[in-house]
Amino acid sequence: MDLKELREAAGLIIIDVAYHIGVAESTVRNWEKGRTIPRLTPEQLDKICHLYNCSYTDWMQAYKETRKNTNK
């Protein structure tokens, strides 16, 4: 499961994630497309894991899957 799939599984849209963690929609989109590396504060990481209803480990695995899929 990549970052987009993780977000969608939580029933969220990009604008919701961006709003709750205080970043631009384009930032979340770029993470999901593997264009940029998420640079999150501990508070933002806690919020995103809560929003996605996942652990830090799950989120990191999704991030790694996203990067792997974009480097093909």
N, C-alpha and C. Protein backbone atom coordinates (compact mmCIF):
# COMPACT_ATOMS: atom_id res chain seq x y z
N MET A 1 0.85 -1.17 0.00
CA MET A 1 0.00 0.00 0.00
C MET A 1 0.90 1.24 0.00
N ASP A 2 0.64 2.16 -0.93
CA ASP A 2 1.44 3.38 -0.98
C ASP A 2 0.70 4.51 -0.24
N LEU A 3 1.28 5.72 -0.25
CA LEU A 3 0.69 6.83 0.50
C LEU A 3 -0.71 7.19 0.02
N LYS A 4 -0.93 7.19 -1.27
CA LYS A 4 -2.26 7.52 -1.79
C LYS A 4 -3.28 6.47 -1.35
N GLU A 5 -2.92 5.21 -1.47
CA GLU A 5 -3.83 4.14 -1.06
C GLU A 5 -4.11 4.20 0.44
N LEU A 6 -3.10 4.53 1.22
CA LEU A 6 -3.28 4.65 2.67
C LEU A 6 -4.26 5.77 3.00
N ARG A 7 -4.10 6.91 2.32
CA ARG A 7 -5.02 8.04 2.53
C ARG A 7 -6.44 7.66 2.12
N GLU A 8 -6.56 7.05 0.95
CA GLU A 8 -7.88 6.67 0.45
C GLU A 8 -8.55 5.63 1.35
N ALA A 9 -7.76 4.72 1.90
CA ALA A 9 -8.31 3.70 2.80
C ALA A 9 -8.89 4.34 4.07
N ALA A 10 -8.33 5.51 4.43
CA ALA A 10 -8.83 6.24 5.60
C ALA A 10 -10.03 7.11 5.24
N GLY A 11 -10.41 7.12 3.96
CA GLY A 11 -11.57 7.90 3.52
C GLY A 11 -11.30 9.40 3.47
N LEU A 12 -10.04 9.76 3.22
CA LEU A 12 -9.66 11.17 3.21
C LEU A 12 -9.38 11.65 1.79
N ILE A 13 -9.58 12.96 1.59
CA ILE A 13 -9.17 13.59 0.36
C ILE A 13 -7.97 14.47 0.67
N ILE A 14 -7.22 14.81 -0.35
CA ILE A 14 -5.97 15.55 -0.17
C ILE A 14 -6.17 16.84 0.62
N ILE A 15 -7.23 17.57 0.34
CA ILE A 15 -7.44 18.84 1.01
C ILE A 15 -7.61 18.66 2.53
N ASP A 16 -8.24 17.55 2.94
CA ASP A 16 -8.41 17.27 4.38
C ASP A 16 -7.05 17.08 5.04
N VAL A 17 -6.21 16.28 4.43
CA VAL A 17 -4.88 16.01 4.99
C VAL A 17 -4.08 17.30 5.07
N ALA A 18 -4.06 18.04 3.97
CA ALA A 18 -3.30 19.29 3.93
C ALA A 18 -3.76 20.25 5.03
N TYR A 19 -5.05 20.40 5.17
CA TYR A 19 -5.61 21.31 6.17
C TYR A 19 -5.20 20.90 7.58
N HIS A 20 -5.37 19.64 7.91
CA HIS A 20 -5.12 19.17 9.27
C HIS A 20 -3.66 19.18 9.67
N ILE A 21 -2.76 19.03 8.71
CA ILE A 21 -1.35 19.05 9.11
C ILE A 21 -0.64 20.35 8.75
N GLY A 22 -1.37 21.27 8.11
CA GLY A 22 -0.84 22.59 7.87
C GLY A 22 0.14 22.70 6.71
N VAL A 23 -0.15 21.99 5.62
CA VAL A 23 0.68 22.09 4.41
C VAL A 23 -0.23 22.36 3.21
N ALA A 24 0.36 22.69 2.09
CA ALA A 24 -0.41 22.92 0.87
C ALA A 24 -0.88 21.60 0.27
N GLU A 25 -1.99 21.66 -0.45
CA GLU A 25 -2.49 20.47 -1.14
C GLU A 25 -1.43 19.91 -2.09
N SER A 26 -0.73 20.80 -2.77
CA SER A 26 0.29 20.35 -3.71
C SER A 26 1.41 19.58 -3.01
N THR A 27 1.66 19.91 -1.75
CA THR A 27 2.68 19.20 -0.98
C THR A 27 2.27 17.74 -0.80
N VAL A 28 1.04 17.52 -0.39
CA VAL A 28 0.54 16.15 -0.20
C VAL A 28 0.54 15.41 -1.53
N ARG A 29 0.11 16.08 -2.59
CA ARG A 29 0.10 15.47 -3.92
C ARG A 29 1.50 15.05 -4.34
N ASN A 30 2.47 15.92 -4.09
CA ASN A 30 3.86 15.59 -4.46
C ASN A 30 4.40 14.42 -3.65
N TRP A 31 4.03 14.30 -2.39
CA TRP A 31 4.44 13.13 -1.60
C TRP A 31 3.89 11.87 -2.23
N GLU A 32 2.60 11.92 -2.57
CA GLU A 32 1.94 10.73 -3.11
C GLU A 32 2.47 10.32 -4.48
N LYS A 33 3.02 11.27 -5.22
CA LYS A 33 3.58 10.96 -6.53
C LYS A 33 5.07 10.68 -6.45
N GLY A 34 5.63 10.76 -5.25
CA GLY A 34 7.04 10.47 -5.04
C GLY A 34 7.96 11.58 -5.52
N ARG A 35 7.41 12.75 -5.75
CA ARG A 35 8.21 13.88 -6.25
C ARG A 35 9.05 14.53 -5.16
N THR A 36 8.51 14.57 -3.95
CA THR A 36 9.22 15.19 -2.84
C THR A 36 9.19 14.28 -1.62
N ILE A 37 10.14 14.51 -0.74
CA ILE A 37 10.25 13.75 0.50
C ILE A 37 9.49 14.49 1.59
N PRO A 38 8.59 13.82 2.30
CA PRO A 38 7.88 14.49 3.39
C PRO A 38 8.84 14.96 4.47
N ARG A 39 8.74 16.20 4.81
CA ARG A 39 9.51 16.76 5.92
C ARG A 39 8.50 17.24 6.95
N LEU A 40 8.23 16.38 7.90
CA LEU A 40 7.19 16.63 8.88
C LEU A 40 7.78 16.85 10.27
N THR A 41 7.15 17.74 11.03
CA THR A 41 7.51 17.88 12.43
C THR A 41 6.94 16.67 13.16
N PRO A 42 7.42 16.39 14.36
CA PRO A 42 6.82 15.28 15.13
C PRO A 42 5.32 15.46 15.32
N GLU A 43 4.87 16.69 15.51
CA GLU A 43 3.44 16.95 15.69
C GLU A 43 2.66 16.64 14.41
N GLN A 44 3.22 17.03 13.26
CA GLN A 44 2.56 16.74 11.98
C GLN A 44 2.52 15.24 11.72
N LEU A 45 3.59 14.55 12.04
CA LEU A 45 3.63 13.11 11.83
C LEU A 45 2.60 12.41 12.71
N ASP A 46 2.47 12.87 13.94
CA ASP A 46 1.46 12.33 14.84
C ASP A 46 0.06 12.56 14.27
N LYS A 47 -0.19 13.76 13.76
CA LYS A 47 -1.50 14.09 13.19
C LYS A 47 -1.80 13.24 11.96
N ILE A 48 -0.81 13.07 11.09
CA ILE A 48 -1.08 12.32 9.86
C ILE A 48 -1.33 10.84 10.18
N CYS A 49 -0.61 10.30 11.14
CA CYS A 49 -0.85 8.90 11.53
C CYS A 49 -2.24 8.76 12.16
N HIS A 50 -2.64 9.74 12.93
CA HIS A 50 -3.98 9.72 13.53
C HIS A 50 -5.04 9.82 12.43
N LEU A 51 -4.84 10.74 11.49
CA LEU A 51 -5.80 10.90 10.39
C LEU A 51 -5.91 9.61 9.56
N TYR A 52 -4.79 9.00 9.27
CA TYR A 52 -4.77 7.79 8.44
C TYR A 52 -5.10 6.54 9.25
N ASN A 53 -5.23 6.71 10.56
CA ASN A 53 -5.53 5.59 11.46
C ASN A 53 -4.50 4.48 11.27
N CYS A 54 -3.21 4.89 11.34
CA CYS A 54 -2.14 3.93 11.15
C CYS A 54 -1.00 4.24 12.12
N SER A 55 -0.08 3.33 12.22
CA SER A 55 1.10 3.54 13.04
C SER A 55 2.17 4.25 12.22
N TYR A 56 3.18 4.74 12.90
CA TYR A 56 4.33 5.35 12.22
C TYR A 56 4.96 4.34 11.26
N THR A 57 5.07 3.10 11.71
CA THR A 57 5.65 2.05 10.88
C THR A 57 4.84 1.84 9.61
N ASP A 58 3.52 1.82 9.73
CA ASP A 58 2.65 1.66 8.55
C ASP A 58 2.83 2.82 7.58
N TRP A 59 2.91 4.03 8.12
CA TRP A 59 3.06 5.22 7.27
C TRP A 59 4.40 5.19 6.55
N MET A 60 5.46 4.81 7.27
CA MET A 60 6.78 4.74 6.65
C MET A 60 6.83 3.66 5.58
N GLN A 61 6.16 2.54 5.81
CA GLN A 61 6.11 1.48 4.80
C GLN A 61 5.40 1.98 3.55
N ALA A 62 4.31 2.73 3.73
CA ALA A 62 3.59 3.30 2.59
C ALA A 62 4.47 4.30 1.85
N TYR A 63 5.23 5.09 2.59
CA TYR A 63 6.15 6.04 1.96
C TYR A 63 7.20 5.30 1.13
N LYS A 64 7.77 4.25 1.69
CA LYS A 64 8.77 3.46 0.97
C LYS A 64 8.18 2.82 -0.29
N GLU A 65 6.96 2.36 -0.19
CA GLU A 65 6.28 1.76 -1.35
C GLU A 65 6.06 2.82 -2.44
N THR A 66 5.70 4.01 -2.03
CA THR A 66 5.52 5.11 -2.98
C THR A 66 6.82 5.39 -3.71
N ARG A 67 7.91 5.49 -2.97
CA ARG A 67 9.22 5.77 -3.57
C ARG A 67 9.63 4.64 -4.51
N LYS A 68 9.39 3.41 -4.10
CA LYS A 68 9.75 2.25 -4.92
C LYS A 68 8.96 2.27 -6.24
N ASN A 69 7.68 2.59 -6.17
CA ASN A 69 6.83 2.61 -7.36
C ASN A 69 7.21 3.72 -8.32
N THR A 70 7.74 4.82 -7.83
CA THR A 70 8.07 5.94 -8.71
C THR A 70 9.47 5.83 -9.28
N ASN A 71 10.26 4.91 -8.74
CA ASN A 71 11.63 4.73 -9.24
C ASN A 71 11.75 3.60 -10.24
N LYS A 72 10.63 3.14 -10.78
CA LYS A 72 10.64 2.03 -11.75
C LYS A 72 11.04 2.53 -13.11
